[in-house]
C-alpha cells in the first residue's frame, strides 16, 4: 500500500539560517551603500558626473503624462493599497512574511523622510526641497520587492522582472520631472530594496535560529556513537 505524500511546507518555520543570513547581508549592504552615498553628498551635494549624464539622457519634461502616471506608484495611496495587497497575498503562504512585507515599505519611507533627508541635506538648487534619497522611488522599490517576496517561488522571477521594470520607470519619471537627481533615484532604490530585505530577514531570524538548533539536536541524537572499545 503506497504512502501518502506529505504536503509542501509553508510558513516562517521553513526559513533556513543560511538563507536568512544571506538575505540580511544583502539587505544591509543596500542600506550601507545608500548611507555611504549620503555621507558623500553631505560634503559634495552638487550634481556629479552620473547626475549630469542622467540629465542629458533624460531631458526635462515637467508635463510628461507618462512620468506623472508612473510616480503615483510611489505615492501614499499606492503605498497603503500595495501594503494591504502584499499582506493579503502573503497570508496565503507565510504570515510572518505577510506582516514584515506589509510594514517594510513604510519603514523605507520613514528612513528616507525622517532620517536620510534631514541628515544629508542635499537640495535641488539653493531653495529646492531635500532630494536624497528619493522617497517616491524608495516606496516603489520597496513595494515591488515586497510583492516579489510574498508570491510563490514559481512566479517570483516574473514578478521580480516586472517589479524591476516598474522601479526603473519610476526612476526615469522623477528624473524627467526634475524632482530628483539620478543619484537620488538610485539611493531610493537602495533604501527601498534594503529595507524590505532587512525587515523580512529580521522577522524570520527567530524561526531560522530555532530550526538550526532543532536540526543540530536531531543530528546529535542519530549520530553513531562510534566503535565499542575492545577489552
C-alpha atoms as a PDB file:
ATOM      1  CA  UNK A   1       0.000   0.000   0.000  1.00  0.00           C
ATOM      2  CA  UNK A   2       1.501   3.361  -1.050  1.00  0.00           C
ATOM      3  CA  UNK A   3       2.228   6.120   1.396  1.00  0.00           C
ATOM      4  CA  UNK A   4       0.546   9.473   1.158  1.00  0.00           C
ATOM      5  CA  UNK A   5       2.893  12.263   0.131  1.00  0.00           C
ATOM      6  CA  UNK A   6       3.395  14.960   2.745  1.00  0.00           C
ATOM      7  CA  UNK A   7       2.072  18.460   1.918  1.00  0.00           C
ATOM      8  CA  UNK A   8       4.552  21.106   0.906  1.00  0.00           C
ATOM      9  CA  UNK A   9       5.776  23.017   3.921  1.00  0.00           C
ATOM     10  CA  UNK A  10       4.962  26.679   4.158  1.00  0.00           C
ATOM     11  CA  UNK A  11       5.340  29.447   6.683  1.00  0.00           C
ATOM     12  CA  UNK A  12       8.105  31.031   8.712  1.00  0.00           C
ATOM     13  CA  UNK A  13       9.265  27.659  10.056  1.00  0.00           C
ATOM     14  CA  UNK A  14      10.688  26.840   6.606  1.00  0.00           C
ATOM     15  CA  UNK A  15      13.246  29.661   6.905  1.00  0.00           C
ATOM     16  CA  UNK A  16      16.822  28.430   6.927  1.00  0.00           C
ATOM     17  CA  UNK A  17      19.658  30.050   8.833  1.00  0.00           C
ATOM     18  CA  UNK A  18      21.850  30.316   5.742  1.00  0.00           C
ATOM     19  CA  UNK A  19      19.104  31.805   3.589  1.00  0.00           C
ATOM     20  CA  UNK A  20      18.002  34.268   6.244  1.00  0.00           C
ATOM     21  CA  UNK A  21      21.582  35.335   6.934  1.00  0.00           C
ATOM     22  CA  UNK A  22      22.255  35.835   3.226  1.00  0.00           C
ATOM     23  CA  UNK A  23      19.120  37.937   2.828  1.00  0.00           C
ATOM     24  CA  UNK A  24      20.092  40.026   5.857  1.00  0.00           C
ATOM     25  CA  UNK A  25      23.557  40.623   4.441  1.00  0.00           C
ATOM     26  CA  UNK A  26      22.157  41.707   1.064  1.00  0.00           C
ATOM     27  CA  UNK A  27      19.606  43.996   2.684  1.00  0.00           C
ATOM     28  CA  UNK A  28      22.150  45.622   4.982  1.00  0.00           C
ATOM     29  CA  UNK A  29      24.538  46.028   2.042  1.00  0.00           C
ATOM     30  CA  UNK A  30      21.937  48.015   0.112  1.00  0.00           C
ATOM     31  CA  UNK A  31      21.281  50.216   3.139  1.00  0.00           C
ATOM     32  CA  UNK A  32      25.016  50.681   3.708  1.00  0.00           C
ATOM     33  CA  UNK A  33      25.510  51.748   0.085  1.00  0.00           C
ATOM     34  CA  UNK A  34      22.736  54.322   0.439  1.00  0.00           C
ATOM     35  CA  UNK A  35      24.270  55.592   3.682  1.00  0.00           C
ATOM     36  CA  UNK A  36      27.753  55.812   2.148  1.00  0.00           C
ATOM     37  CA  UNK A  37      26.462  57.822  -0.785  1.00  0.00           C
ATOM     38  CA  UNK A  38      24.631  60.053   1.676  1.00  0.00           C
ATOM     39  CA  UNK A  39      27.885  60.762   3.518  1.00  0.00           C
ATOM     40  CA  UNK A  40      29.459  61.792   0.218  1.00  0.00           C
ATOM     41  CA  UNK A  41      26.576  64.115  -0.616  1.00  0.00           C
ATOM     42  CA  UNK A  42      26.831  65.806   2.774  1.00  0.00           C
ATOM     43  CA  UNK A  43      30.175  67.231   1.630  1.00  0.00           C
ATOM     44  CA  UNK A  44      29.552  67.238  -2.144  1.00  0.00           C
ATOM     45  CA  UNK A  45      25.825  67.934  -2.662  1.00  0.00           C
ATOM     46  CA  UNK A  46      26.119  69.318  -6.162  1.00  0.00           C
ATOM     47  CA  UNK A  47      25.351  67.155  -9.253  1.00  0.00           C
ATOM     48  CA  UNK A  48      28.135  64.717 -10.106  1.00  0.00           C
ATOM     49  CA  UNK A  49      29.062  63.187 -13.466  1.00  0.00           C
ATOM     50  CA  UNK A  50      26.416  60.479 -13.171  1.00  0.00           C
ATOM     51  CA  UNK A  51      23.764  63.112 -12.488  1.00  0.00           C
ATOM     52  CA  UNK A  52      24.830  65.197 -15.467  1.00  0.00           C
ATOM     53  CA  UNK A  53      24.849  62.116 -17.704  1.00  0.00           C
ATOM     54  CA  UNK A  54      21.384  61.123 -16.486  1.00  0.00           C
ATOM     55  CA  UNK A  55      20.014  64.592 -17.121  1.00  0.00           C
ATOM     56  CA  UNK A  56      21.464  64.500 -20.650  1.00  0.00           C
ATOM     57  CA  UNK A  57      19.921  61.092 -21.401  1.00  0.00           C
ATOM     58  CA  UNK A  58      16.554  62.040 -19.872  1.00  0.00           C
ATOM     59  CA  UNK A  59      15.829  65.695 -20.770  1.00  0.00           C
ATOM     60  CA  UNK A  60      13.473  67.670 -18.557  1.00  0.00           C
ATOM     61  CA  UNK A  61       9.770  67.424 -19.384  1.00  0.00           C
ATOM     62  CA  UNK A  62       7.697  68.544 -16.433  1.00  0.00           C
ATOM     63  CA  UNK A  63       4.492  67.963 -18.379  1.00  0.00           C
ATOM     64  CA  UNK A  64       5.178  64.349 -19.367  1.00  0.00           C
ATOM     65  CA  UNK A  65       1.953  62.435 -18.730  1.00  0.00           C
ATOM     66  CA  UNK A  66       3.681  59.044 -18.555  1.00  0.00           C
ATOM     67  CA  UNK A  67       6.013  60.355 -15.869  1.00  0.00           C
ATOM     68  CA  UNK A  68       3.175  61.762 -13.778  1.00  0.00           C
ATOM     69  CA  UNK A  69       1.362  58.440 -14.091  1.00  0.00           C
ATOM     70  CA  UNK A  70       4.390  56.396 -13.039  1.00  0.00           C
ATOM     71  CA  UNK A  71       5.253  58.439  -9.964  1.00  0.00           C
ATOM     72  CA  UNK A  72       1.855  57.542  -8.496  1.00  0.00           C
ATOM     73  CA  UNK A  73       3.348  54.082  -7.832  1.00  0.00           C
ATOM     74  CA  UNK A  74       5.361  55.765  -5.083  1.00  0.00           C
ATOM     75  CA  UNK A  75       2.506  57.838  -3.682  1.00  0.00           C
ATOM     76  CA  UNK A  76       0.982  57.462  -0.221  1.00  0.00           C
ATOM     77  CA  UNK A  77      -2.190  55.973  -1.681  1.00  0.00           C
ATOM     78  CA  UNK A  78      -0.250  53.353  -3.619  1.00  0.00           C
ATOM     79  CA  UNK A  79       1.833  52.619  -0.521  1.00  0.00           C
ATOM     80  CA  UNK A  80      -1.269  51.875   1.550  1.00  0.00           C
ATOM     81  CA  UNK A  81      -3.062  49.881  -1.149  1.00  0.00           C
ATOM     82  CA  UNK A  82       0.101  47.986  -2.004  1.00  0.00           C
ATOM     83  CA  UNK A  83       0.802  47.130   1.631  1.00  0.00           C
ATOM     84  CA  UNK A  84      -2.707  45.729   2.046  1.00  0.00           C
ATOM     85  CA  UNK A  85      -2.379  43.676  -1.148  1.00  0.00           C
ATOM     86  CA  UNK A  86       1.025  42.346  -0.089  1.00  0.00           C
ATOM     87  CA  UNK A  87      -0.375  41.390   3.308  1.00  0.00           C
ATOM     88  CA  UNK A  88      -3.340  39.513   1.849  1.00  0.00           C
ATOM     89  CA  UNK A  89      -1.210  37.613  -0.664  1.00  0.00           C
ATOM     90  CA  UNK A  90       1.431  36.844   1.924  1.00  0.00           C
ATOM     91  CA  UNK A  91      -1.091  35.424   4.397  1.00  0.00           C
ATOM     92  CA  UNK A  92      -1.711  32.544   1.986  1.00  0.00           C
ATOM     93  CA  UNK A  93       1.853  31.244   2.412  1.00  0.00           C
ATOM     94  CA  UNK A  94       3.738  32.874   5.282  1.00  0.00           C
ATOM     95  CA  UNK A  95       2.033  35.018   7.931  1.00  0.00           C
ATOM     96  CA  UNK A  96       5.322  36.342   9.289  1.00  0.00           C
ATOM     97  CA  UNK A  97       6.407  37.443   5.819  1.00  0.00           C
ATOM     98  CA  UNK A  98       2.972  38.953   5.217  1.00  0.00           C
ATOM     99  CA  UNK A  99       3.371  41.221   8.239  1.00  0.00           C
ATOM    100  CA  UNK A 100       7.036  42.020   7.523  1.00  0.00           C
ATOM    101  CA  UNK A 101       6.472  42.892   3.870  1.00  0.00           C
ATOM    102  CA  UNK A 102       3.378  44.932   4.678  1.00  0.00           C
ATOM    103  CA  UNK A 103       5.194  47.225   7.109  1.00  0.00           C
ATOM    104  CA  UNK A 104       8.638  47.304   5.438  1.00  0.00           C
ATOM    105  CA  UNK A 105       7.681  49.788   2.662  1.00  0.00           C
ATOM    106  CA  UNK A 106       6.505  52.222   5.341  1.00  0.00           C
ATOM    107  CA  UNK A 107       9.809  51.677   7.166  1.00  0.00           C
ATOM    108  CA  UNK A 108      11.661  52.550   3.947  1.00  0.00           C
ATOM    109  CA  UNK A 109       9.730  55.797   3.574  1.00  0.00           C
ATOM    110  CA  UNK A 110      10.320  56.711   7.227  1.00  0.00           C
ATOM    111  CA  UNK A 111      14.061  56.115   6.762  1.00  0.00           C
ATOM    112  CA  UNK A 112      14.028  58.500   3.805  1.00  0.00           C
ATOM    113  CA  UNK A 113      11.844  61.253   5.227  1.00  0.00           C
ATOM    114  CA  UNK A 114      12.806  61.283   8.909  1.00  0.00           C
ATOM    115  CA  UNK A 115      16.413  60.113   8.821  1.00  0.00           C
ATOM    116  CA  UNK A 116      18.223  60.317   5.488  1.00  0.00           C
ATOM    117  CA  UNK A 117      16.941  63.595   4.055  1.00  0.00           C
ATOM    118  CA  UNK A 118      17.421  65.661   7.245  1.00  0.00           C
ATOM    119  CA  UNK A 119      20.908  64.235   7.819  1.00  0.00           C
ATOM    120  CA  UNK A 120      22.173  64.500   4.243  1.00  0.00           C
ATOM    121  CA  UNK A 121      20.651  67.882   3.474  1.00  0.00           C
ATOM    122  CA  UNK A 122      21.027  67.655  -0.294  1.00  0.00           C
ATOM    123  CA  UNK A 123      18.714  70.008  -2.196  1.00  0.00           C
ATOM    124  CA  UNK A 124      17.659  70.663  -5.781  1.00  0.00           C
ATOM    125  CA  UNK A 125      19.188  74.078  -6.215  1.00  0.00           C
ATOM    126  CA  UNK A 126      19.557  76.612  -3.432  1.00  0.00           C
ATOM    127  CA  UNK A 127      15.927  76.763  -2.330  1.00  0.00           C
ATOM    128  CA  UNK A 128      14.745  73.381  -3.582  1.00  0.00           C
ATOM    129  CA  UNK A 129      13.337  70.572  -1.473  1.00  0.00           C
ATOM    130  CA  UNK A 130      15.548  67.941   0.143  1.00  0.00           C
ATOM    131  CA  UNK A 131      16.272  65.380  -2.537  1.00  0.00           C
ATOM    132  CA  UNK A 132      18.453  62.498  -1.298  1.00  0.00           C
ATOM    133  CA  UNK A 133      17.266  59.808  -1.401  1.00  0.00           C
ATOM    134  CA  UNK A 134      14.054  59.819  -3.401  1.00  0.00           C
ATOM    135  CA  UNK A 135      11.082  58.850  -1.233  1.00  0.00           C
ATOM    136  CA  UNK A 136       8.953  58.187  -4.301  1.00  0.00           C
ATOM    137  CA  UNK A 137      11.466  55.715  -5.689  1.00  0.00           C
ATOM    138  CA  UNK A 138      12.066  54.149  -2.278  1.00  0.00           C
ATOM    139  CA  UNK A 139       8.337  53.484  -1.837  1.00  0.00           C
ATOM    140  CA  UNK A 140       8.023  51.996  -5.328  1.00  0.00           C
ATOM    141  CA  UNK A 141      11.142  49.816  -4.976  1.00  0.00           C
ATOM    142  CA  UNK A 142      10.011  48.622  -1.545  1.00  0.00           C
ATOM    143  CA  UNK A 143       6.549  47.658  -2.781  1.00  0.00           C
ATOM    144  CA  UNK A 144       7.991  45.788  -5.764  1.00  0.00           C
ATOM    145  CA  UNK A 145      10.462  43.934  -3.535  1.00  0.00           C
ATOM    146  CA  UNK A 146       7.744  43.042  -1.037  1.00  0.00           C
ATOM    147  CA  UNK A 147       5.498  41.758  -3.825  1.00  0.00           C
ATOM    148  CA  UNK A 148       8.347  39.584  -5.100  1.00  0.00           C
ATOM    149  CA  UNK A 149       8.886  38.004  -1.693  1.00  0.00           C
ATOM    150  CA  UNK A 150       5.255  37.124  -0.936  1.00  0.00           C
ATOM    151  CA  UNK A 151       4.367  35.388  -4.204  1.00  0.00           C
ATOM    152  CA  UNK A 152       5.011  31.649  -4.774  1.00  0.00           C
ATOM    153  CA  UNK A 153       8.575  30.791  -5.860  1.00  0.00           C
ATOM    154  CA  UNK A 154       7.347  29.566  -9.252  1.00  0.00           C
ATOM    155  CA  UNK A 155       6.210  33.035 -10.328  1.00  0.00           C
ATOM    156  CA  UNK A 156       8.790  35.006  -8.326  1.00  0.00           C
ATOM    157  CA  UNK A 157      11.180  35.578 -11.284  1.00  0.00           C
ATOM    158  CA  UNK A 158       8.343  37.006 -13.378  1.00  0.00           C
ATOM    159  CA  UNK A 159       7.184  39.298 -10.569  1.00  0.00           C
ATOM    160  CA  UNK A 160      10.784  40.355  -9.908  1.00  0.00           C
ATOM    161  CA  UNK A 161      11.285  41.275 -13.563  1.00  0.00           C
ATOM    162  CA  UNK A 162       8.032  43.247 -13.674  1.00  0.00           C
ATOM    163  CA  UNK A 163       8.893  44.977 -10.399  1.00  0.00           C
ATOM    164  CA  UNK A 164      12.341  45.918 -11.676  1.00  0.00           C
ATOM    165  CA  UNK A 165      10.793  47.396 -14.825  1.00  0.00           C
ATOM    166  CA  UNK A 166       8.335  49.458 -12.772  1.00  0.00           C
ATOM    167  CA  UNK A 167      11.090  50.678 -10.466  1.00  0.00           C
ATOM    168  CA  UNK A 168      13.276  51.722 -13.396  1.00  0.00           C
ATOM    169  CA  UNK A 169      10.286  53.528 -14.877  1.00  0.00           C
ATOM    170  CA  UNK A 170       9.682  55.438 -11.644  1.00  0.00           C
ATOM    171  CA  UNK A 171      13.372  56.368 -11.520  1.00  0.00           C
ATOM    172  CA  UNK A 172      13.160  57.720 -15.051  1.00  0.00           C
ATOM    173  CA  UNK A 173       9.963  59.598 -14.214  1.00  0.00           C
ATOM    174  CA  UNK A 174      11.368  61.506 -11.217  1.00  0.00           C
ATOM    175  CA  UNK A 175      14.427  62.437 -13.295  1.00  0.00           C
ATOM    176  CA  UNK A 176      12.404  63.651 -16.287  1.00  0.00           C
ATOM    177  CA  UNK A 177      10.162  65.683 -13.985  1.00  0.00           C
ATOM    178  CA  UNK A 178      13.321  67.045 -12.326  1.00  0.00           C
ATOM    179  CA  UNK A 179      12.082  66.031  -8.891  1.00  0.00           C
ATOM    180  CA  UNK A 180      15.410  64.360  -8.195  1.00  0.00           C
ATOM    181  CA  UNK A 181      18.958  63.896  -9.385  1.00  0.00           C
ATOM    182  CA  UNK A 182      19.658  60.449 -10.873  1.00  0.00           C
ATOM    183  CA  UNK A 183      21.766  59.546  -7.832  1.00  0.00           C
ATOM    184  CA  UNK A 184      18.797  60.444  -5.612  1.00  0.00           C
ATOM    185  CA  UNK A 185      16.762  57.873  -7.516  1.00  0.00           C
ATOM    186  CA  UNK A 186      19.461  55.227  -7.117  1.00  0.00           C
ATOM    187  CA  UNK A 187      19.602  55.976  -3.411  1.00  0.00           C
ATOM    188  CA  UNK A 188      15.850  55.460  -3.215  1.00  0.00           C
ATOM    189  CA  UNK A 189      16.205  52.052  -4.874  1.00  0.00           C
ATOM    190  CA  UNK A 190      18.883  51.052  -2.356  1.00  0.00           C
ATOM    191  CA  UNK A 191      16.783  52.113   0.638  1.00  0.00           C
ATOM    192  CA  UNK A 192      13.584  50.523  -0.672  1.00  0.00           C
ATOM    193  CA  UNK A 193      15.106  47.163  -1.526  1.00  0.00           C
ATOM    194  CA  UNK A 194      17.392  47.120   1.501  1.00  0.00           C
ATOM    195  CA  UNK A 195      14.660  47.953   4.000  1.00  0.00           C
ATOM    196  CA  UNK A 196      12.339  45.182   2.802  1.00  0.00           C
ATOM    197  CA  UNK A 197      15.034  42.513   2.699  1.00  0.00           C
ATOM    198  CA  UNK A 198      16.360  43.514   6.115  1.00  0.00           C
ATOM    199  CA  UNK A 199      12.983  43.689   7.850  1.00  0.00           C
ATOM    200  CA  UNK A 200      11.854  40.376   6.378  1.00  0.00           C
ATOM    201  CA  UNK A 201      15.107  38.680   7.394  1.00  0.00           C
ATOM    202  CA  UNK A 202      14.880  40.032  10.945  1.00  0.00           C
ATOM    203  CA  UNK A 203      11.286  38.830  11.262  1.00  0.00           C
ATOM    204  CA  UNK A 204      12.327  35.329  10.151  1.00  0.00           C
ATOM    205  CA  UNK A 205      15.524  35.171  12.212  1.00  0.00           C
ATOM    206  CA  UNK A 206      13.890  33.553  15.300  1.00  0.00           C
ATOM    207  CA  UNK A 207      12.426  30.729  13.216  1.00  0.00           C
ATOM    208  CA  UNK A 208      15.682  30.251  11.316  1.00  0.00           C
ATOM    209  CA  UNK A 209      17.663  30.044  14.551  1.00  0.00           C
ATOM    210  CA  UNK A 210      15.143  27.653  16.111  1.00  0.00           C
ATOM    211  CA  UNK A 211      15.273  25.442  13.031  1.00  0.00           C
ATOM    212  CA  UNK A 212      19.062  25.353  13.110  1.00  0.00           C
ATOM    213  CA  UNK A 213      19.089  24.418  16.805  1.00  0.00           C
ATOM    214  CA  UNK A 214      16.456  21.727  16.249  1.00  0.00           C
ATOM    215  CA  UNK A 215      18.395  20.268  13.312  1.00  0.00           C
ATOM    216  CA  UNK A 216      21.592  20.213  15.375  1.00  0.00           C
ATOM    217  CA  UNK A 217      19.867  18.356  18.206  1.00  0.00           C
ATOM    218  CA  UNK A 218      18.360  15.857  15.787  1.00  0.00           C
ATOM    219  CA  UNK A 219      21.769  15.182  14.259  1.00  0.00           C
ATOM    220  CA  UNK A 220      23.238  14.677  17.718  1.00  0.00           C
ATOM    221  CA  UNK A 221      20.580  12.091  18.607  1.00  0.00           C
ATOM    222  CA  UNK A 222      21.038   9.999  15.459  1.00  0.00           C
ATOM    223  CA  UNK A 223      24.820  10.355  15.228  1.00  0.00           C
ATOM    224  CA  UNK A 224      26.620   6.972  15.631  1.00  0.00           C
ATOM    225  CA  UNK A 225      28.449   6.604  18.899  1.00  0.00           C
ATOM    226  CA  UNK A 226      31.456   5.014  17.207  1.00  0.00           C
ATOM    227  CA  UNK A 227      33.101   1.625  17.594  1.00  0.00           C
ATOM    228  CA  UNK A 228      32.952  -0.014  21.023  1.00  0.00           C
ATOM    229  CA  UNK A 229      36.238  -0.102  22.874  1.00  0.00           C
ATOM    230  CA  UNK A 230      37.874  -3.613  22.976  1.00  0.00           C
ATOM    231  CA  UNK A 231      38.597  -5.138  26.383  1.00  0.00           C
END
